[in-house]
C-alpha cells in the first residue's frame, strides 16, 4: 500500500498558512485528501461498528439536538491510523513553522470518531466542543455533502458556511490554540446527500497514545 502522504494535497507550509486563520475565524477549510485516499478511508470506515446518536444531549437550556450515526474510539489498525500519523506529522511541522508554536510539541490526537449523516438528517444544532478538547479538531469529509457552519452563539448569529465535500478538511480551533480559551460554536445542517466524516481530537483528560 502506498504511503498515506501520497494521498495528501497539503504541505506543512500550506497547513501553517491555513491555521493562521484559526485565531480570528475559528476554522479553516481546505482540500486535503485525494479522491483515492478518501475512497480507501471510506472502505475502512464502512467496516466500523456504528450506533445511533443520542437525540438530545446537554444540560437544560443548553440542549444540543443531533441526528447521525457514530463509531468512536475503535481499534482498527490500517489506513485510518496511517492517515492519523500523516496528519499529525504535518500538524507538528506546521506548528513548528508558526513561531511561536500555537501549542506545545509534539502534538498527537487520542480521540477518533466516524460519523454518518443520512440524507435528510437534521444534522446537529449549534454547540461548542468540550473544554477537554484542545489545540485543533480535524474533521475530514469522506463522502456526500452538507453545510458546516460557524456562528457566534446558539441562535446562529453571524453564521458562516463552509462546504463539507469529499476530501475537504474542516480544521477547527480547540481550547488553548495560541492561548485562546474560547471555542467556536458550530453546527451541521442541509444534508443533501449522505455525508460520512472522520474526526480526530486531542482530549487532555486521556493519555496520548504515541505511534510506534
N, C-alpha and C. Protein backbone atom coordinates (compact mmCIF):
# COMPACT_ATOMS: atom_id res chain seq x y z
N UNK A 1 0.85 -1.20 0.00
CA UNK A 1 0.00 0.00 0.00
C UNK A 1 0.88 1.25 0.00
N UNK A 2 0.53 2.27 -0.79
CA UNK A 2 1.33 3.49 -0.83
C UNK A 2 1.32 4.19 0.53
N UNK A 3 2.39 4.92 0.80
CA UNK A 3 2.45 5.76 1.99
C UNK A 3 1.29 6.76 1.93
N UNK A 4 0.62 7.01 3.07
CA UNK A 4 -0.56 7.88 3.00
C UNK A 4 -0.20 9.29 2.55
N UNK A 5 1.04 9.69 2.72
CA UNK A 5 1.43 11.03 2.27
C UNK A 5 1.18 11.23 0.78
N UNK A 6 1.14 10.13 0.03
CA UNK A 6 0.88 10.26 -1.41
C UNK A 6 -0.56 10.68 -1.68
N UNK A 7 -1.44 10.57 -0.69
CA UNK A 7 -2.84 10.97 -0.85
C UNK A 7 -3.09 12.40 -0.34
N UNK A 8 -2.10 12.99 0.30
CA UNK A 8 -2.28 14.33 0.86
C UNK A 8 -2.10 15.41 -0.19
N UNK A 9 -2.98 16.40 -0.15
CA UNK A 9 -2.91 17.53 -1.07
C UNK A 9 -2.28 18.75 -0.43
N UNK A 10 -1.90 18.62 0.84
CA UNK A 10 -1.35 19.74 1.59
C UNK A 10 0.14 19.52 1.87
N UNK A 11 0.78 20.58 2.31
CA UNK A 11 2.17 20.55 2.77
C UNK A 11 2.20 21.19 4.16
N UNK A 12 3.27 21.00 4.92
CA UNK A 12 3.36 21.68 6.21
C UNK A 12 3.19 23.20 6.09
N UNK A 13 3.73 23.78 5.01
CA UNK A 13 3.62 25.22 4.82
C UNK A 13 2.18 25.64 4.56
N UNK A 14 1.48 24.91 3.67
CA UNK A 14 0.08 25.27 3.39
C UNK A 14 -0.79 25.04 4.62
N UNK A 15 -0.45 24.01 5.42
CA UNK A 15 -1.18 23.76 6.66
C UNK A 15 -0.98 24.92 7.64
N UNK A 16 0.25 25.39 7.74
CA UNK A 16 0.54 26.51 8.63
C UNK A 16 -0.21 27.77 8.18
N UNK A 17 -0.24 28.00 6.87
CA UNK A 17 -0.97 29.17 6.35
C UNK A 17 -2.45 29.07 6.69
N UNK A 18 -3.03 27.88 6.55
CA UNK A 18 -4.44 27.69 6.87
C UNK A 18 -4.70 27.94 8.36
N UNK A 19 -3.81 27.44 9.20
CA UNK A 19 -4.01 27.55 10.64
C UNK A 19 -3.88 28.99 11.15
N UNK A 20 -3.31 29.85 10.35
CA UNK A 20 -3.24 31.26 10.75
C UNK A 20 -4.63 31.90 10.81
N UNK A 21 -5.62 31.24 10.20
CA UNK A 21 -7.00 31.74 10.25
C UNK A 21 -7.70 31.38 11.55
N UNK A 22 -7.18 30.39 12.28
CA UNK A 22 -7.91 29.88 13.43
C UNK A 22 -8.10 30.89 14.56
N UNK A 23 -7.11 31.72 14.90
CA UNK A 23 -7.35 32.67 15.99
C UNK A 23 -8.49 33.65 15.71
N UNK A 24 -8.66 34.06 14.47
CA UNK A 24 -9.70 35.04 14.14
C UNK A 24 -11.00 34.40 13.66
N UNK A 25 -10.88 33.39 12.79
CA UNK A 25 -12.07 32.80 12.17
C UNK A 25 -12.60 31.58 12.92
N UNK A 26 -11.75 30.94 13.70
CA UNK A 26 -12.17 29.76 14.43
C UNK A 26 -12.09 28.48 13.62
N UNK A 27 -12.00 28.60 12.29
CA UNK A 27 -11.99 27.43 11.42
C UNK A 27 -11.26 27.75 10.12
N UNK A 28 -10.71 26.71 9.51
CA UNK A 28 -10.14 26.81 8.17
C UNK A 28 -10.63 25.58 7.41
N UNK A 29 -11.00 25.77 6.15
CA UNK A 29 -11.49 24.66 5.33
C UNK A 29 -10.68 24.61 4.04
N UNK A 30 -10.17 23.44 3.68
CA UNK A 30 -9.31 23.33 2.51
C UNK A 30 -9.24 21.88 2.05
N UNK A 31 -9.04 21.64 0.73
CA UNK A 31 -8.87 20.27 0.24
C UNK A 31 -7.61 19.66 0.84
N UNK A 32 -7.72 18.43 1.36
CA UNK A 32 -6.55 17.83 2.00
C UNK A 32 -6.24 16.43 1.52
N UNK A 33 -7.27 15.62 1.24
CA UNK A 33 -7.04 14.22 0.86
C UNK A 33 -7.61 13.98 -0.54
N UNK A 34 -6.87 13.26 -1.36
CA UNK A 34 -7.28 12.97 -2.72
C UNK A 34 -8.50 12.06 -2.76
N UNK A 35 -9.11 11.97 -3.93
CA UNK A 35 -10.28 11.09 -4.11
C UNK A 35 -9.92 9.65 -3.76
N UNK A 36 -8.78 9.19 -4.23
CA UNK A 36 -8.37 7.81 -3.96
C UNK A 36 -8.19 7.58 -2.46
N UNK A 37 -7.54 8.54 -1.79
CA UNK A 37 -7.36 8.42 -0.35
C UNK A 37 -8.68 8.36 0.39
N UNK A 38 -9.63 9.21 -0.02
CA UNK A 38 -10.95 9.22 0.61
C UNK A 38 -11.67 7.88 0.41
N UNK A 39 -11.57 7.33 -0.80
CA UNK A 39 -12.24 6.07 -1.08
C UNK A 39 -11.67 4.93 -0.24
N UNK A 40 -10.38 4.92 -0.05
CA UNK A 40 -9.74 3.89 0.77
C UNK A 40 -10.12 4.04 2.23
N UNK A 41 -10.18 5.28 2.72
CA UNK A 41 -10.59 5.52 4.10
C UNK A 41 -12.06 5.17 4.28
N UNK A 42 -12.88 5.49 3.28
CA UNK A 42 -14.31 5.21 3.36
C UNK A 42 -14.57 3.70 3.46
N UNK A 43 -13.81 2.92 2.72
CA UNK A 43 -13.96 1.47 2.78
C UNK A 43 -13.67 0.95 4.18
N UNK A 44 -12.67 1.55 4.84
CA UNK A 44 -12.34 1.14 6.21
C UNK A 44 -13.42 1.59 7.19
N UNK A 45 -13.93 2.80 7.01
CA UNK A 45 -14.98 3.33 7.88
C UNK A 45 -16.24 2.47 7.78
N UNK A 46 -16.55 1.99 6.59
CA UNK A 46 -17.77 1.19 6.41
C UNK A 46 -17.74 -0.12 7.18
N UNK A 47 -16.56 -0.51 7.65
CA UNK A 47 -16.43 -1.75 8.43
C UNK A 47 -16.57 -1.50 9.94
N UNK A 48 -16.73 -0.25 10.34
CA UNK A 48 -16.76 0.08 11.77
C UNK A 48 -18.14 -0.19 12.37
N UNK A 49 -18.19 -0.40 13.69
CA UNK A 49 -19.46 -0.62 14.39
C UNK A 49 -20.15 0.70 14.73
N UNK A 50 -21.18 1.05 13.99
CA UNK A 50 -21.88 2.31 14.22
C UNK A 50 -23.09 2.12 15.14
N UNK A 51 -23.46 3.18 15.82
CA UNK A 51 -24.68 3.23 16.63
C UNK A 51 -25.37 4.56 16.40
N UNK A 52 -26.64 4.63 16.72
CA UNK A 52 -27.37 5.89 16.57
C UNK A 52 -26.95 6.86 17.67
N UNK A 53 -26.87 8.14 17.33
CA UNK A 53 -26.53 9.16 18.33
C UNK A 53 -27.70 9.36 19.29
N UNK A 54 -27.40 9.85 20.47
CA UNK A 54 -28.44 10.24 21.42
C UNK A 54 -29.13 11.48 20.86
N UNK A 55 -30.47 11.47 20.70
CA UNK A 55 -31.16 12.59 20.02
C UNK A 55 -30.93 13.97 20.65
N UNK A 56 -30.88 14.03 21.98
CA UNK A 56 -30.68 15.31 22.67
C UNK A 56 -29.65 15.10 23.78
N UNK A 57 -28.64 15.95 23.82
CA UNK A 57 -27.63 15.89 24.87
C UNK A 57 -27.44 17.29 25.45
N UNK A 58 -26.79 17.36 26.60
CA UNK A 58 -26.51 18.65 27.21
C UNK A 58 -27.48 19.02 28.31
N UNK A 59 -27.08 19.95 29.19
CA UNK A 59 -27.93 20.36 30.31
C UNK A 59 -29.11 21.21 29.85
N UNK A 60 -30.10 21.34 30.71
CA UNK A 60 -31.29 22.13 30.40
C UNK A 60 -30.90 23.57 30.05
N UNK A 61 -31.45 24.05 28.96
CA UNK A 61 -31.12 25.40 28.50
C UNK A 61 -29.96 25.43 27.52
N UNK A 62 -29.21 24.33 27.47
CA UNK A 62 -28.08 24.23 26.54
C UNK A 62 -28.15 22.92 25.75
N UNK A 63 -29.39 22.46 25.51
CA UNK A 63 -29.55 21.20 24.82
C UNK A 63 -29.01 21.27 23.38
N UNK A 64 -28.46 20.16 22.95
CA UNK A 64 -27.97 20.03 21.58
C UNK A 64 -28.71 18.86 20.93
N UNK A 65 -29.37 19.13 19.81
CA UNK A 65 -30.06 18.08 19.07
C UNK A 65 -29.12 17.52 18.01
N UNK A 66 -29.10 16.20 17.88
CA UNK A 66 -28.18 15.59 16.92
C UNK A 66 -28.84 14.38 16.25
N UNK A 67 -28.50 14.19 14.98
CA UNK A 67 -29.14 13.16 14.16
C UNK A 67 -28.10 12.55 13.24
N UNK A 68 -27.37 11.58 13.77
CA UNK A 68 -26.35 10.91 12.97
C UNK A 68 -26.05 9.54 13.57
N UNK A 69 -25.25 8.75 12.86
CA UNK A 69 -24.72 7.50 13.38
C UNK A 69 -23.25 7.70 13.67
N UNK A 70 -22.74 7.05 14.72
CA UNK A 70 -21.37 7.31 15.14
C UNK A 70 -20.65 6.02 15.53
N UNK A 71 -19.36 5.99 15.25
CA UNK A 71 -18.45 4.95 15.73
C UNK A 71 -17.29 5.67 16.40
N UNK A 72 -16.99 5.31 17.64
CA UNK A 72 -16.00 6.07 18.41
C UNK A 72 -14.88 5.19 18.95
N UNK A 73 -13.67 5.75 18.92
CA UNK A 73 -12.50 5.19 19.59
C UNK A 73 -12.37 3.67 19.45
N UNK A 74 -12.56 3.24 18.22
CA UNK A 74 -12.44 1.85 17.84
C UNK A 74 -10.97 1.48 17.66
N UNK A 75 -10.69 0.22 17.69
CA UNK A 75 -9.33 -0.27 17.48
C UNK A 75 -9.29 -1.00 16.14
N UNK A 76 -8.85 -0.26 15.11
CA UNK A 76 -8.81 -0.87 13.78
C UNK A 76 -7.56 -0.38 13.05
N UNK A 77 -6.43 -1.10 13.24
CA UNK A 77 -5.21 -0.69 12.55
C UNK A 77 -5.42 -0.71 11.04
N UNK A 78 -4.70 0.13 10.36
CA UNK A 78 -4.83 0.16 8.90
C UNK A 78 -4.76 1.58 8.38
N UNK A 79 -5.50 1.85 7.31
CA UNK A 79 -5.37 3.13 6.63
C UNK A 79 -5.84 4.30 7.49
N UNK A 80 -6.79 4.08 8.39
CA UNK A 80 -7.23 5.17 9.25
C UNK A 80 -6.11 5.62 10.19
N UNK A 81 -5.34 4.65 10.69
CA UNK A 81 -4.18 5.01 11.51
C UNK A 81 -3.09 5.65 10.64
N UNK A 82 -2.93 5.16 9.41
CA UNK A 82 -1.94 5.75 8.51
C UNK A 82 -2.27 7.23 8.25
N UNK A 83 -3.56 7.51 8.06
CA UNK A 83 -4.00 8.88 7.86
C UNK A 83 -3.67 9.73 9.09
N UNK A 84 -3.98 9.21 10.28
CA UNK A 84 -3.73 9.96 11.50
C UNK A 84 -2.24 10.28 11.67
N UNK A 85 -1.39 9.31 11.42
CA UNK A 85 0.05 9.52 11.54
C UNK A 85 0.53 10.60 10.57
N UNK A 86 0.04 10.54 9.32
CA UNK A 86 0.45 11.52 8.31
C UNK A 86 -0.05 12.91 8.68
N UNK A 87 -1.29 13.00 9.16
CA UNK A 87 -1.85 14.29 9.55
C UNK A 87 -1.10 14.87 10.74
N UNK A 88 -0.83 14.03 11.74
CA UNK A 88 -0.10 14.52 12.91
C UNK A 88 1.28 15.04 12.52
N UNK A 89 1.94 14.37 11.59
CA UNK A 89 3.27 14.81 11.16
C UNK A 89 3.19 16.19 10.53
N UNK A 90 2.18 16.40 9.67
CA UNK A 90 2.04 17.72 9.05
C UNK A 90 1.69 18.79 10.07
N UNK A 91 0.81 18.46 11.00
CA UNK A 91 0.43 19.45 12.01
C UNK A 91 1.62 19.83 12.88
N UNK A 92 2.42 18.85 13.29
CA UNK A 92 3.59 19.16 14.09
C UNK A 92 4.59 20.02 13.33
N UNK A 93 4.77 19.72 12.03
CA UNK A 93 5.67 20.56 11.23
C UNK A 93 5.10 21.95 11.05
N UNK A 94 3.78 22.04 10.87
CA UNK A 94 3.15 23.35 10.72
C UNK A 94 3.27 24.16 12.01
N UNK A 95 3.02 23.51 13.15
CA UNK A 95 3.18 24.21 14.43
C UNK A 95 4.60 24.75 14.57
N UNK A 96 5.59 23.97 14.12
CA UNK A 96 6.99 24.40 14.22
C UNK A 96 7.26 25.63 13.34
N UNK A 97 6.55 25.71 12.22
CA UNK A 97 6.72 26.87 11.33
C UNK A 97 6.07 28.12 11.87
N UNK A 98 5.09 27.96 12.76
CA UNK A 98 4.34 29.09 13.30
C UNK A 98 4.98 29.54 14.61
N UNK A 99 6.03 30.31 14.49
CA UNK A 99 6.74 30.75 15.70
C UNK A 99 6.13 32.01 16.29
N UNK A 100 5.74 31.97 17.59
CA UNK A 100 5.86 30.79 18.45
C UNK A 100 4.81 29.74 18.11
N UNK A 101 5.10 28.50 18.44
CA UNK A 101 4.15 27.42 18.17
C UNK A 101 2.85 27.69 18.91
N UNK A 102 1.68 27.50 18.26
CA UNK A 102 0.40 27.76 18.91
C UNK A 102 0.04 26.75 19.98
N UNK A 103 0.81 25.64 20.05
CA UNK A 103 0.51 24.61 21.05
C UNK A 103 1.79 23.81 21.29
N UNK A 104 2.00 23.30 22.52
CA UNK A 104 3.23 22.56 22.82
C UNK A 104 3.42 21.35 21.91
N UNK A 105 4.67 21.11 21.56
CA UNK A 105 5.04 19.98 20.72
C UNK A 105 5.71 18.90 21.57
N UNK A 106 5.63 17.64 21.16
CA UNK A 106 4.90 17.13 20.00
C UNK A 106 3.40 17.01 20.29
N UNK A 107 2.61 17.12 19.24
CA UNK A 107 1.16 17.06 19.35
C UNK A 107 0.65 15.74 18.76
N UNK A 108 -0.31 15.11 19.45
CA UNK A 108 -0.92 13.87 18.95
C UNK A 108 -2.42 13.87 19.25
N UNK A 109 -3.18 13.24 18.39
CA UNK A 109 -4.61 13.03 18.64
C UNK A 109 -4.79 11.75 19.47
N UNK A 110 -5.81 11.72 20.31
CA UNK A 110 -6.12 10.50 21.06
C UNK A 110 -7.62 10.20 21.12
N UNK A 111 -8.39 10.88 20.28
CA UNK A 111 -9.83 10.68 20.23
C UNK A 111 -10.25 10.66 18.77
N UNK A 112 -10.94 9.61 18.35
CA UNK A 112 -11.33 9.49 16.95
C UNK A 112 -12.78 9.05 16.85
N UNK A 113 -13.44 9.53 15.80
CA UNK A 113 -14.85 9.18 15.60
C UNK A 113 -15.20 9.29 14.12
N UNK A 114 -16.02 8.37 13.67
CA UNK A 114 -16.58 8.43 12.32
C UNK A 114 -18.07 8.70 12.44
N UNK A 115 -18.59 9.60 11.62
CA UNK A 115 -20.00 9.98 11.68
C UNK A 115 -20.65 9.82 10.31
N UNK A 116 -21.88 9.33 10.33
CA UNK A 116 -22.68 9.24 9.11
C UNK A 116 -23.94 10.07 9.30
N UNK A 117 -24.12 11.09 8.47
CA UNK A 117 -25.35 11.87 8.42
C UNK A 117 -26.15 11.36 7.22
N UNK A 118 -27.26 10.69 7.47
CA UNK A 118 -28.08 10.18 6.38
C UNK A 118 -28.70 11.34 5.60
N UNK A 119 -29.02 11.11 4.34
CA UNK A 119 -29.69 12.14 3.53
C UNK A 119 -30.97 12.59 4.24
N UNK A 120 -31.13 13.91 4.37
CA UNK A 120 -32.30 14.44 5.06
C UNK A 120 -32.13 14.55 6.57
N UNK A 121 -30.96 14.17 7.09
CA UNK A 121 -30.69 14.28 8.52
C UNK A 121 -30.84 15.72 8.99
N UNK A 122 -31.26 15.87 10.24
CA UNK A 122 -31.36 17.21 10.84
C UNK A 122 -29.99 17.76 11.21
N UNK A 123 -28.96 16.92 11.14
CA UNK A 123 -27.61 17.38 11.46
C UNK A 123 -27.38 17.49 12.95
N UNK A 124 -26.76 18.57 13.37
CA UNK A 124 -26.53 18.84 14.78
C UNK A 124 -26.65 20.34 15.02
N UNK A 125 -27.33 20.72 16.09
CA UNK A 125 -27.59 22.14 16.36
C UNK A 125 -26.35 22.81 16.96
N UNK A 126 -26.33 24.15 17.00
CA UNK A 126 -25.13 24.87 17.45
C UNK A 126 -24.65 24.43 18.83
N UNK A 127 -23.34 24.22 18.92
CA UNK A 127 -22.71 23.79 20.16
C UNK A 127 -21.23 24.12 20.09
N UNK A 128 -20.57 24.00 21.22
CA UNK A 128 -19.11 24.11 21.28
C UNK A 128 -18.55 22.78 21.76
N UNK A 129 -17.37 22.42 21.26
CA UNK A 129 -16.74 21.19 21.73
C UNK A 129 -16.35 21.36 23.20
N UNK A 130 -16.25 20.25 23.91
CA UNK A 130 -15.95 20.28 25.34
C UNK A 130 -14.59 20.94 25.61
N UNK A 131 -14.44 21.46 26.82
CA UNK A 131 -13.21 22.13 27.21
C UNK A 131 -12.00 21.20 27.17
N UNK A 132 -12.24 19.89 27.29
CA UNK A 132 -11.12 18.95 27.32
C UNK A 132 -10.47 18.76 25.95
N UNK A 133 -11.13 19.22 24.88
CA UNK A 133 -10.56 19.07 23.54
C UNK A 133 -9.74 20.30 23.18
N UNK A 134 -8.43 20.10 23.06
CA UNK A 134 -7.52 21.23 22.89
C UNK A 134 -6.83 21.25 21.53
N UNK A 135 -6.23 22.38 21.25
CA UNK A 135 -5.41 22.63 20.05
C UNK A 135 -6.26 22.70 18.79
N UNK A 136 -6.44 21.60 18.08
CA UNK A 136 -7.24 21.61 16.85
C UNK A 136 -8.14 20.39 16.80
N UNK A 137 -9.30 20.58 16.17
CA UNK A 137 -10.23 19.49 15.87
C UNK A 137 -10.21 19.32 14.35
N UNK A 138 -9.92 18.12 13.88
CA UNK A 138 -9.76 17.87 12.44
C UNK A 138 -10.89 17.00 11.94
N UNK A 139 -11.73 17.55 11.07
CA UNK A 139 -12.90 16.84 10.55
C UNK A 139 -12.76 16.72 9.04
N UNK A 140 -12.60 15.49 8.57
CA UNK A 140 -12.42 15.24 7.14
C UNK A 140 -13.68 14.62 6.57
N UNK A 141 -14.23 15.21 5.51
CA UNK A 141 -15.38 14.62 4.83
C UNK A 141 -14.89 13.57 3.83
N UNK A 142 -15.45 12.38 3.92
CA UNK A 142 -15.05 11.29 3.03
C UNK A 142 -16.01 11.11 1.86
N UNK A 143 -17.30 11.40 2.09
CA UNK A 143 -18.28 11.28 1.01
C UNK A 143 -19.49 12.13 1.34
N UNK A 144 -20.30 12.43 0.30
CA UNK A 144 -21.51 13.21 0.49
C UNK A 144 -21.23 14.69 0.64
N UNK A 145 -22.23 15.42 1.12
CA UNK A 145 -22.05 16.85 1.33
C UNK A 145 -23.08 17.37 2.33
N UNK A 146 -22.68 18.45 2.99
CA UNK A 146 -23.55 19.11 3.97
C UNK A 146 -22.97 20.48 4.25
N UNK A 147 -23.75 21.32 4.89
CA UNK A 147 -23.26 22.62 5.28
C UNK A 147 -22.68 22.57 6.68
N UNK A 148 -21.43 23.00 6.84
CA UNK A 148 -20.80 23.12 8.15
C UNK A 148 -20.74 24.61 8.47
N UNK A 149 -21.28 25.00 9.60
CA UNK A 149 -21.41 26.42 9.93
C UNK A 149 -20.68 26.78 11.21
N UNK A 150 -20.06 27.94 11.21
CA UNK A 150 -19.50 28.55 12.41
C UNK A 150 -20.41 29.74 12.73
N UNK A 151 -20.69 29.94 14.01
CA UNK A 151 -21.56 31.06 14.40
C UNK A 151 -21.11 31.60 15.76
N UNK A 152 -21.78 32.63 16.23
CA UNK A 152 -21.36 33.29 17.47
C UNK A 152 -22.06 32.77 18.72
N UNK A 153 -23.20 32.08 18.53
CA UNK A 153 -23.97 31.64 19.69
C UNK A 153 -24.95 30.54 19.28
N UNK A 154 -25.78 30.10 20.22
CA UNK A 154 -26.73 29.03 19.95
C UNK A 154 -27.88 29.47 19.05
N UNK A 155 -28.01 30.78 18.84
CA UNK A 155 -29.07 31.32 17.97
C UNK A 155 -28.59 31.47 16.53
N UNK A 156 -27.38 31.01 16.23
CA UNK A 156 -26.80 31.03 14.88
C UNK A 156 -26.46 32.44 14.41
N UNK A 157 -26.19 33.34 15.33
CA UNK A 157 -25.83 34.71 14.95
C UNK A 157 -24.53 34.71 14.14
N UNK A 158 -24.49 35.57 13.12
CA UNK A 158 -23.29 35.74 12.30
C UNK A 158 -22.78 34.41 11.74
N UNK A 159 -23.68 33.60 11.21
CA UNK A 159 -23.31 32.29 10.70
C UNK A 159 -22.45 32.40 9.45
N UNK A 160 -21.47 31.51 9.33
CA UNK A 160 -20.59 31.44 8.16
C UNK A 160 -20.56 30.00 7.69
N UNK A 161 -20.87 29.78 6.42
CA UNK A 161 -20.98 28.42 5.89
C UNK A 161 -19.69 27.96 5.23
N UNK A 162 -19.32 26.73 5.53
CA UNK A 162 -18.18 26.07 4.89
C UNK A 162 -18.70 24.79 4.26
N UNK A 163 -18.44 24.58 2.99
CA UNK A 163 -18.95 23.40 2.31
C UNK A 163 -18.11 22.18 2.67
N UNK A 164 -18.77 21.19 3.26
CA UNK A 164 -18.09 19.95 3.63
C UNK A 164 -18.25 18.95 2.49
N UNK A 165 -17.24 18.87 1.64
CA UNK A 165 -17.24 17.99 0.48
C UNK A 165 -16.14 16.95 0.62
N UNK A 166 -16.20 15.86 -0.14
CA UNK A 166 -15.19 14.82 -0.03
C UNK A 166 -13.77 15.37 -0.19
N UNK A 167 -12.91 15.00 0.74
CA UNK A 167 -11.52 15.43 0.71
C UNK A 167 -11.25 16.74 1.40
N UNK A 168 -12.30 17.46 1.79
CA UNK A 168 -12.12 18.77 2.44
C UNK A 168 -11.93 18.59 3.94
N UNK A 169 -10.89 19.24 4.46
CA UNK A 169 -10.61 19.25 5.88
C UNK A 169 -11.25 20.49 6.51
N UNK A 170 -12.04 20.26 7.55
CA UNK A 170 -12.53 21.35 8.39
C UNK A 170 -11.64 21.32 9.63
N UNK A 171 -10.75 22.27 9.75
CA UNK A 171 -9.83 22.34 10.89
C UNK A 171 -10.34 23.44 11.81
N UNK A 172 -10.75 23.06 13.01
CA UNK A 172 -11.38 23.99 13.93
C UNK A 172 -10.51 24.23 15.16
N UNK A 173 -10.59 25.41 15.69
CA UNK A 173 -9.81 25.77 16.86
C UNK A 173 -10.35 25.10 18.12
N UNK A 174 -9.48 24.38 18.81
CA UNK A 174 -9.83 23.83 20.11
C UNK A 174 -9.36 24.77 21.21
N UNK A 175 -9.64 24.41 22.43
CA UNK A 175 -9.21 25.23 23.58
C UNK A 175 -7.68 25.32 23.62
N UNK A 176 -7.20 26.48 23.96
CA UNK A 176 -5.77 26.75 24.16
C UNK A 176 -4.95 26.75 22.87
N UNK A 177 -5.59 26.84 21.71
CA UNK A 177 -4.82 27.08 20.50
C UNK A 177 -4.36 28.53 20.54
N UNK A 178 -3.06 28.74 20.47
CA UNK A 178 -2.46 30.09 20.57
C UNK A 178 -2.92 30.80 21.84
N UNK A 179 -3.16 30.02 22.89
CA UNK A 179 -3.54 30.60 24.17
C UNK A 179 -4.97 31.09 24.26
N UNK A 180 -5.80 30.76 23.26
CA UNK A 180 -7.19 31.23 23.25
C UNK A 180 -8.08 30.19 23.94
N UNK A 181 -8.82 30.62 24.94
CA UNK A 181 -9.68 29.71 25.69
C UNK A 181 -10.98 29.40 24.94
N UNK A 182 -11.53 30.38 24.24
CA UNK A 182 -12.84 30.21 23.61
C UNK A 182 -12.78 29.24 22.44
N UNK A 183 -13.84 28.44 22.33
CA UNK A 183 -14.01 27.54 21.18
C UNK A 183 -15.20 28.03 20.37
N UNK A 184 -15.16 27.90 19.06
CA UNK A 184 -16.25 28.41 18.23
C UNK A 184 -17.51 27.55 18.30
N UNK A 185 -18.66 28.20 18.27
CA UNK A 185 -19.93 27.49 18.09
C UNK A 185 -19.98 27.00 16.64
N UNK A 186 -20.53 25.81 16.44
CA UNK A 186 -20.63 25.27 15.10
C UNK A 186 -21.81 24.31 15.02
N UNK A 187 -22.27 24.08 13.79
CA UNK A 187 -23.38 23.15 13.58
C UNK A 187 -23.36 22.63 12.16
N UNK A 188 -24.12 21.56 11.93
CA UNK A 188 -24.23 20.94 10.60
C UNK A 188 -25.70 20.89 10.23
N UNK A 189 -26.03 21.31 9.01
CA UNK A 189 -27.39 21.18 8.51
C UNK A 189 -27.35 21.15 6.99
N UNK A 190 -28.50 20.91 6.39
CA UNK A 190 -28.56 20.86 4.92
C UNK A 190 -27.85 19.65 4.36
N UNK A 191 -28.14 18.47 4.93
CA UNK A 191 -27.50 17.24 4.44
C UNK A 191 -28.25 16.79 3.18
N UNK A 192 -27.79 17.24 2.04
CA UNK A 192 -28.46 16.96 0.77
C UNK A 192 -28.09 15.60 0.20
N UNK A 193 -27.03 15.01 0.71
CA UNK A 193 -26.58 13.70 0.26
C UNK A 193 -25.84 13.07 1.43
N UNK A 194 -26.10 11.80 1.70
CA UNK A 194 -25.49 11.16 2.87
C UNK A 194 -24.01 11.53 3.01
N UNK A 195 -23.66 12.04 4.18
CA UNK A 195 -22.30 12.51 4.41
C UNK A 195 -21.61 11.63 5.44
N UNK A 196 -20.39 11.22 5.11
CA UNK A 196 -19.56 10.45 6.04
C UNK A 196 -18.33 11.30 6.37
N UNK A 197 -18.11 11.50 7.65
CA UNK A 197 -16.97 12.28 8.09
C UNK A 197 -16.12 11.51 9.08
N UNK A 198 -14.85 11.89 9.17
CA UNK A 198 -13.92 11.25 10.10
C UNK A 198 -13.22 12.34 10.90
N UNK A 199 -13.37 12.29 12.22
CA UNK A 199 -12.86 13.35 13.07
C UNK A 199 -11.81 12.89 14.06
N UNK A 200 -10.80 13.75 14.28
CA UNK A 200 -9.75 13.49 15.25
C UNK A 200 -9.65 14.68 16.20
N UNK A 201 -9.50 14.37 17.51
CA UNK A 201 -9.38 15.41 18.52
C UNK A 201 -8.35 14.98 19.56
N UNK A 202 -7.89 15.95 20.34
CA UNK A 202 -6.98 15.67 21.44
C UNK A 202 -7.69 15.96 22.75
N UNK A 203 -7.91 14.92 23.53
CA UNK A 203 -8.59 15.03 24.82
C UNK A 203 -7.53 15.07 25.92
N UNK A 204 -7.40 16.21 26.60
CA UNK A 204 -6.35 16.35 27.61
C UNK A 204 -6.61 15.47 28.83
N UNK A 205 -7.83 14.94 28.96
CA UNK A 205 -8.14 14.08 30.10
C UNK A 205 -7.71 12.64 29.88
N UNK A 206 -7.30 12.32 28.65
CA UNK A 206 -6.92 10.95 28.33
C UNK A 206 -5.43 10.90 27.96
N UNK A 207 -4.75 9.79 28.25
CA UNK A 207 -3.34 9.67 27.86
C UNK A 207 -3.22 9.60 26.34
N UNK A 208 -2.21 10.25 25.81
CA UNK A 208 -1.97 10.24 24.38
C UNK A 208 -1.19 8.99 24.01
N UNK A 209 -1.69 8.25 23.04
CA UNK A 209 -1.00 7.06 22.58
C UNK A 209 -0.07 7.43 21.43
N UNK A 210 1.20 7.25 21.64
CA UNK A 210 2.18 7.59 20.63
C UNK A 210 2.29 6.47 19.60
N UNK A 211 2.45 6.84 18.35
CA UNK A 211 2.65 5.84 17.31
C UNK A 211 4.04 5.24 17.47
N UNK A 212 4.15 3.94 17.26
CA UNK A 212 5.45 3.28 17.37
C UNK A 212 5.79 2.59 16.07
